[in-house]
C-alpha atoms as a PDB file:
ATOM      1  CA  MET A   1     -44.136  34.778   6.408  1.00  0.00           C
ATOM      2  CA  THR A   2     -47.295  32.698   6.758  1.00  0.00           C
ATOM      3  CA  LYS A   3     -47.771  31.257  10.230  1.00  0.00           C
ATOM      4  CA  GLY A   4     -46.683  27.623  10.312  1.00  0.00           C
ATOM      5  CA  VAL A   5     -44.648  27.859   7.078  1.00  0.00           C
ATOM      6  CA  PRO A   6     -40.843  27.739   7.388  1.00  0.00           C
ATOM      7  CA  GLU A   7     -38.917  30.844   6.348  1.00  0.00           C
ATOM      8  CA  GLY A   8     -38.240  30.840   2.594  1.00  0.00           C
ATOM      9  CA  TRP A   9     -40.904  28.231   1.769  1.00  0.00           C
ATOM     10  CA  HIS A  10     -44.269  28.568   0.010  1.00  0.00           C
ATOM     11  CA  SER A  11     -47.528  27.102   1.278  1.00  0.00           C
ATOM     12  CA  ILE A  12     -47.384  24.379  -1.407  1.00  0.00           C
ATOM     13  CA  THR A  13     -44.131  22.558  -2.130  1.00  0.00           C
ATOM     14  CA  PRO A  14     -43.857  19.807  -4.755  1.00  0.00           C
ATOM     15  CA  ARG A  15     -42.376  16.571  -3.429  1.00  0.00           C
ATOM     16  CA  LEU A  16     -41.071  14.249  -6.112  1.00  0.00           C
ATOM     17  CA  VAL A  17     -40.730  10.576  -5.162  1.00  0.00           C
ATOM     18  CA  VAL A  18     -38.466   8.706  -7.568  1.00  0.00           C
ATOM     19  CA  ASN A  19     -36.472   5.488  -7.760  1.00  0.00           C
ATOM     20  CA  GLU A  20     -33.162   7.341  -8.213  1.00  0.00           C
ATOM     21  CA  PRO A  21     -33.263  10.569  -6.197  1.00  0.00           C
ATOM     22  CA  GLY A  22     -29.546  11.305  -6.679  1.00  0.00           C
ATOM     23  CA  LEU A  23     -30.044  11.184 -10.451  1.00  0.00           C
ATOM     24  CA  LEU A  24     -32.928  13.655 -10.250  1.00  0.00           C
ATOM     25  CA  VAL A  25     -31.014  16.028  -7.951  1.00  0.00           C
ATOM     26  CA  ASP A  26     -28.096  16.012 -10.406  1.00  0.00           C
ATOM     27  CA  PHE A  27     -30.479  16.633 -13.321  1.00  0.00           C
ATOM     28  CA  LEU A  28     -32.170  19.589 -11.584  1.00  0.00           C
ATOM     29  CA  ARG A  29     -28.804  21.160 -10.822  1.00  0.00           C
ATOM     30  CA  ARG A  30     -27.574  20.803 -14.396  1.00  0.00           C
ATOM     31  CA  ALA A  31     -30.798  21.570 -16.269  1.00  0.00           C
ATOM     32  CA  PHE A  32     -32.343  24.313 -14.125  1.00  0.00           C
ATOM     33  CA  GLN A  33     -29.406  25.607 -12.042  1.00  0.00           C
ATOM     34  CA  GLY A  34     -30.972  24.036  -8.965  1.00  0.00           C
ATOM     35  CA  THR A  35     -29.128  24.407  -5.686  1.00  0.00           C
ATOM     36  CA  GLY A  36     -29.137  22.013  -2.770  1.00  0.00           C
ATOM     37  CA  ASP A  37     -27.679  18.671  -1.824  1.00  0.00           C
ATOM     38  CA  PHE A  38     -28.714  15.046  -2.152  1.00  0.00           C
ATOM     39  CA  HIS A  39     -29.426  13.233   1.126  1.00  0.00           C
ATOM     40  CA  VAL A  40     -29.863   9.495   1.579  1.00  0.00           C
ATOM     41  CA  GLU A  41     -31.768   9.625   4.875  1.00  0.00           C
ATOM     42  CA  ALA A  42     -33.846  12.779   4.330  1.00  0.00           C
ATOM     43  CA  PRO A  43     -35.530  14.507   1.404  1.00  0.00           C
ATOM     44  CA  ALA A  44     -33.262  16.676  -0.709  1.00  0.00           C
ATOM     45  CA  ILE A  45     -34.416  20.289  -0.825  1.00  0.00           C
ATOM     46  CA  ILE A  46     -33.606  21.821  -4.200  1.00  0.00           C
ATOM     47  CA  ARG A  47     -34.150  25.506  -4.920  1.00  0.00           C
ATOM     48  CA  ILE A  48     -35.024  26.401  -8.510  1.00  0.00           C
ATOM     49  CA  GLY A  49     -35.546  30.125  -8.980  1.00  0.00           C
ATOM     50  CA  ASP A  50     -37.732  31.274  -6.088  1.00  0.00           C
ATOM     51  CA  SER A  51     -39.224  27.839  -5.385  1.00  0.00           C
ATOM     52  CA  LEU A  52     -38.305  24.707  -3.477  1.00  0.00           C
ATOM     53  CA  VAL A  53     -38.772  21.100  -4.575  1.00  0.00           C
ATOM     54  CA  MET A  54     -38.392  18.147  -2.235  1.00  0.00           C
ATOM     55  CA  ILE A  55     -36.845  14.979  -3.693  1.00  0.00           C
ATOM     56  CA  SER A  56     -37.332  11.616  -1.957  1.00  0.00           C
ATOM     57  CA  GLY A  57     -36.458   8.073  -2.861  1.00  0.00           C
ATOM     58  CA  ALA A  58     -39.105   5.407  -3.275  1.00  0.00           C
ATOM     59  CA  GLY A  59     -39.328   2.943  -0.437  1.00  0.00           C
ATOM     60  CA  PRO A  60     -41.981   3.655   2.154  1.00  0.00           C
ATOM     61  CA  ARG A  61     -44.034   5.136  -0.725  1.00  0.00           C
ATOM     62  CA  ASP A  62     -44.130   4.231  -4.400  1.00  0.00           C
ATOM     63  CA  ALA A  63     -42.366   6.314  -7.008  1.00  0.00           C
ATOM     64  CA  ILE A  64     -44.859   8.484  -8.845  1.00  0.00           C
ATOM     65  CA  THR A  65     -44.380  10.717 -11.825  1.00  0.00           C
ATOM     66  CA  SER A  66     -45.324  14.377 -11.680  1.00  0.00           C
ATOM     67  CA  PHE A  67     -46.219  17.104 -14.157  1.00  0.00           C
ATOM     68  CA  LEU A  68     -44.683  20.491 -13.324  1.00  0.00           C
ATOM     69  CA  TYR A  69     -44.776  23.934 -14.957  1.00  0.00           C
ATOM     70  CA  LEU A  70     -41.565  25.926 -14.525  1.00  0.00           C
ATOM     71  CA  TYR A  71     -40.997  29.543 -15.539  1.00  0.00           C
ATOM     72  CA  VAL A  72     -37.419  30.319 -16.544  1.00  0.00           C
ATOM     73  CA  GLU A  73     -35.615  33.364 -17.892  1.00  0.00           C
ATOM     74  CA  ASP A  74     -34.809  31.785 -21.272  1.00  0.00           C
ATOM     75  CA  VAL A  75     -36.795  28.715 -22.276  1.00  0.00           C
ATOM     76  CA  ASP A  76     -34.557  27.963 -25.262  1.00  0.00           C
ATOM     77  CA  ALA A  77     -31.402  27.912 -23.132  1.00  0.00           C
ATOM     78  CA  SER A  78     -33.110  25.884 -20.387  1.00  0.00           C
ATOM     79  CA  TYR A  79     -34.412  23.396 -22.944  1.00  0.00           C
ATOM     80  CA  ARG A  80     -30.874  22.918 -24.330  1.00  0.00           C
ATOM     81  CA  LEU A  81     -29.455  22.451 -20.826  1.00  0.00           C
ATOM     82  CA  ALA A  82     -32.178  19.944 -19.953  1.00  0.00           C
ATOM     83  CA  MET A  83     -31.454  17.948 -23.098  1.00  0.00           C
ATOM     84  CA  GLU A  84     -27.714  17.969 -22.324  1.00  0.00           C
ATOM     85  CA  ALA A  85     -28.505  16.805 -18.762  1.00  0.00           C
ATOM     86  CA  GLY A  86     -30.390  13.735 -20.021  1.00  0.00           C
ATOM     87  CA  ALA A  87     -33.970  14.846 -20.634  1.00  0.00           C
ATOM     88  CA  SER A  88     -36.149  13.511 -23.435  1.00  0.00           C
ATOM     89  CA  SER A  89     -37.907  16.073 -25.609  1.00  0.00           C
ATOM     90  CA  LEU A  90     -41.694  15.983 -25.693  1.00  0.00           C
ATOM     91  CA  GLU A  91     -42.127  19.401 -27.371  1.00  0.00           C
ATOM     92  CA  GLU A  92     -39.479  21.756 -28.673  1.00  0.00           C
ATOM     93  CA  PRO A  93     -39.781  25.433 -27.641  1.00  0.00           C
ATOM     94  CA  ARG A  94     -42.661  27.229 -29.345  1.00  0.00           C
ATOM     95  CA  GLU A  95     -45.023  30.099 -28.724  1.00  0.00           C
ATOM     96  CA  VAL A  96     -48.394  29.156 -27.251  1.00  0.00           C
ATOM     97  CA  PRO A  97     -51.605  31.235 -27.423  1.00  0.00           C
ATOM     98  CA  TYR A  98     -51.586  32.329 -23.760  1.00  0.00           C
ATOM     99  CA  GLY A  99     -48.404  34.418 -23.943  1.00  0.00           C
ATOM    100  CA  ASP A 100     -45.662  31.930 -23.108  1.00  0.00           C
ATOM    101  CA  ARG A 101     -42.868  30.445 -25.146  1.00  0.00           C
ATOM    102  CA  ARG A 102     -42.903  26.869 -23.884  1.00  0.00           C
ATOM    103  CA  ALA A 103     -41.206  23.492 -24.258  1.00  0.00           C
ATOM    104  CA  MET A 104     -41.936  20.139 -22.658  1.00  0.00           C
ATOM    105  CA  ILE A 105     -39.405  17.558 -21.517  1.00  0.00           C
ATOM    106  CA  LYS A 106     -39.305  14.340 -19.513  1.00  0.00           C
ATOM    107  CA  ASP A 107     -36.539  14.129 -16.900  1.00  0.00           C
ATOM    108  CA  PRO A 108     -34.465  10.943 -16.462  1.00  0.00           C
ATOM    109  CA  CYS A 109     -36.792   9.800 -13.647  1.00  0.00           C
ATOM    110  CA  GLY A 110     -39.973  10.109 -15.736  1.00  0.00           C
ATOM    111  CA  ASN A 111     -41.371  13.454 -14.526  1.00  0.00           C
ATOM    112  CA  THR A 112     -42.786  15.790 -17.155  1.00  0.00           C
ATOM    113  CA  TRP A 113     -41.749  19.450 -17.091  1.00  0.00           C
ATOM    114  CA  GLN A 114     -43.262  22.241 -19.130  1.00  0.00           C
ATOM    115  CA  ILE A 115     -40.655  24.976 -19.110  1.00  0.00           C
ATOM    116  CA  ALA A 116     -41.723  28.425 -20.185  1.00  0.00           C
ATOM    117  CA  THR A 117     -40.800  32.053 -20.524  1.00  0.00           C
ATOM    118  CA  ARG A 118     -43.527  34.705 -20.530  1.00  0.00           C
ATOM    119  CA  ILE A 119     -43.261  36.710 -23.749  1.00  0.00           C
ATOM    120  CA  SER A 120     -46.506  38.717 -23.710  1.00  0.00           C
ATOM    121  CA  GLY A 121     -49.445  39.588 -21.539  1.00  0.00           C
END
């Protein structure tokens, strides 16, 4: 553990600020098997794979969209789940030159996610 970093956290943690945090928490659970609970008075902490994401509602700060890169076990399955959970497709799964099979979606709160599975290299 790095000094000053809570147990189980990484030095950098994305914090997504959205207008409908409950909607995003539900999406992350359904699309990416995220675990964690929605909180009205505190940021939701959602675990996806080995990483944590904080979800906050707009209010004291403006909502802002983010661009995230997420490695998953099976990009095709994750893409399907994301679409079923309410995502919009920006790119269907395809192989890219740097060794990933990757797709790109927009979640219901406007954040862009590139979801990928390493296939070579």
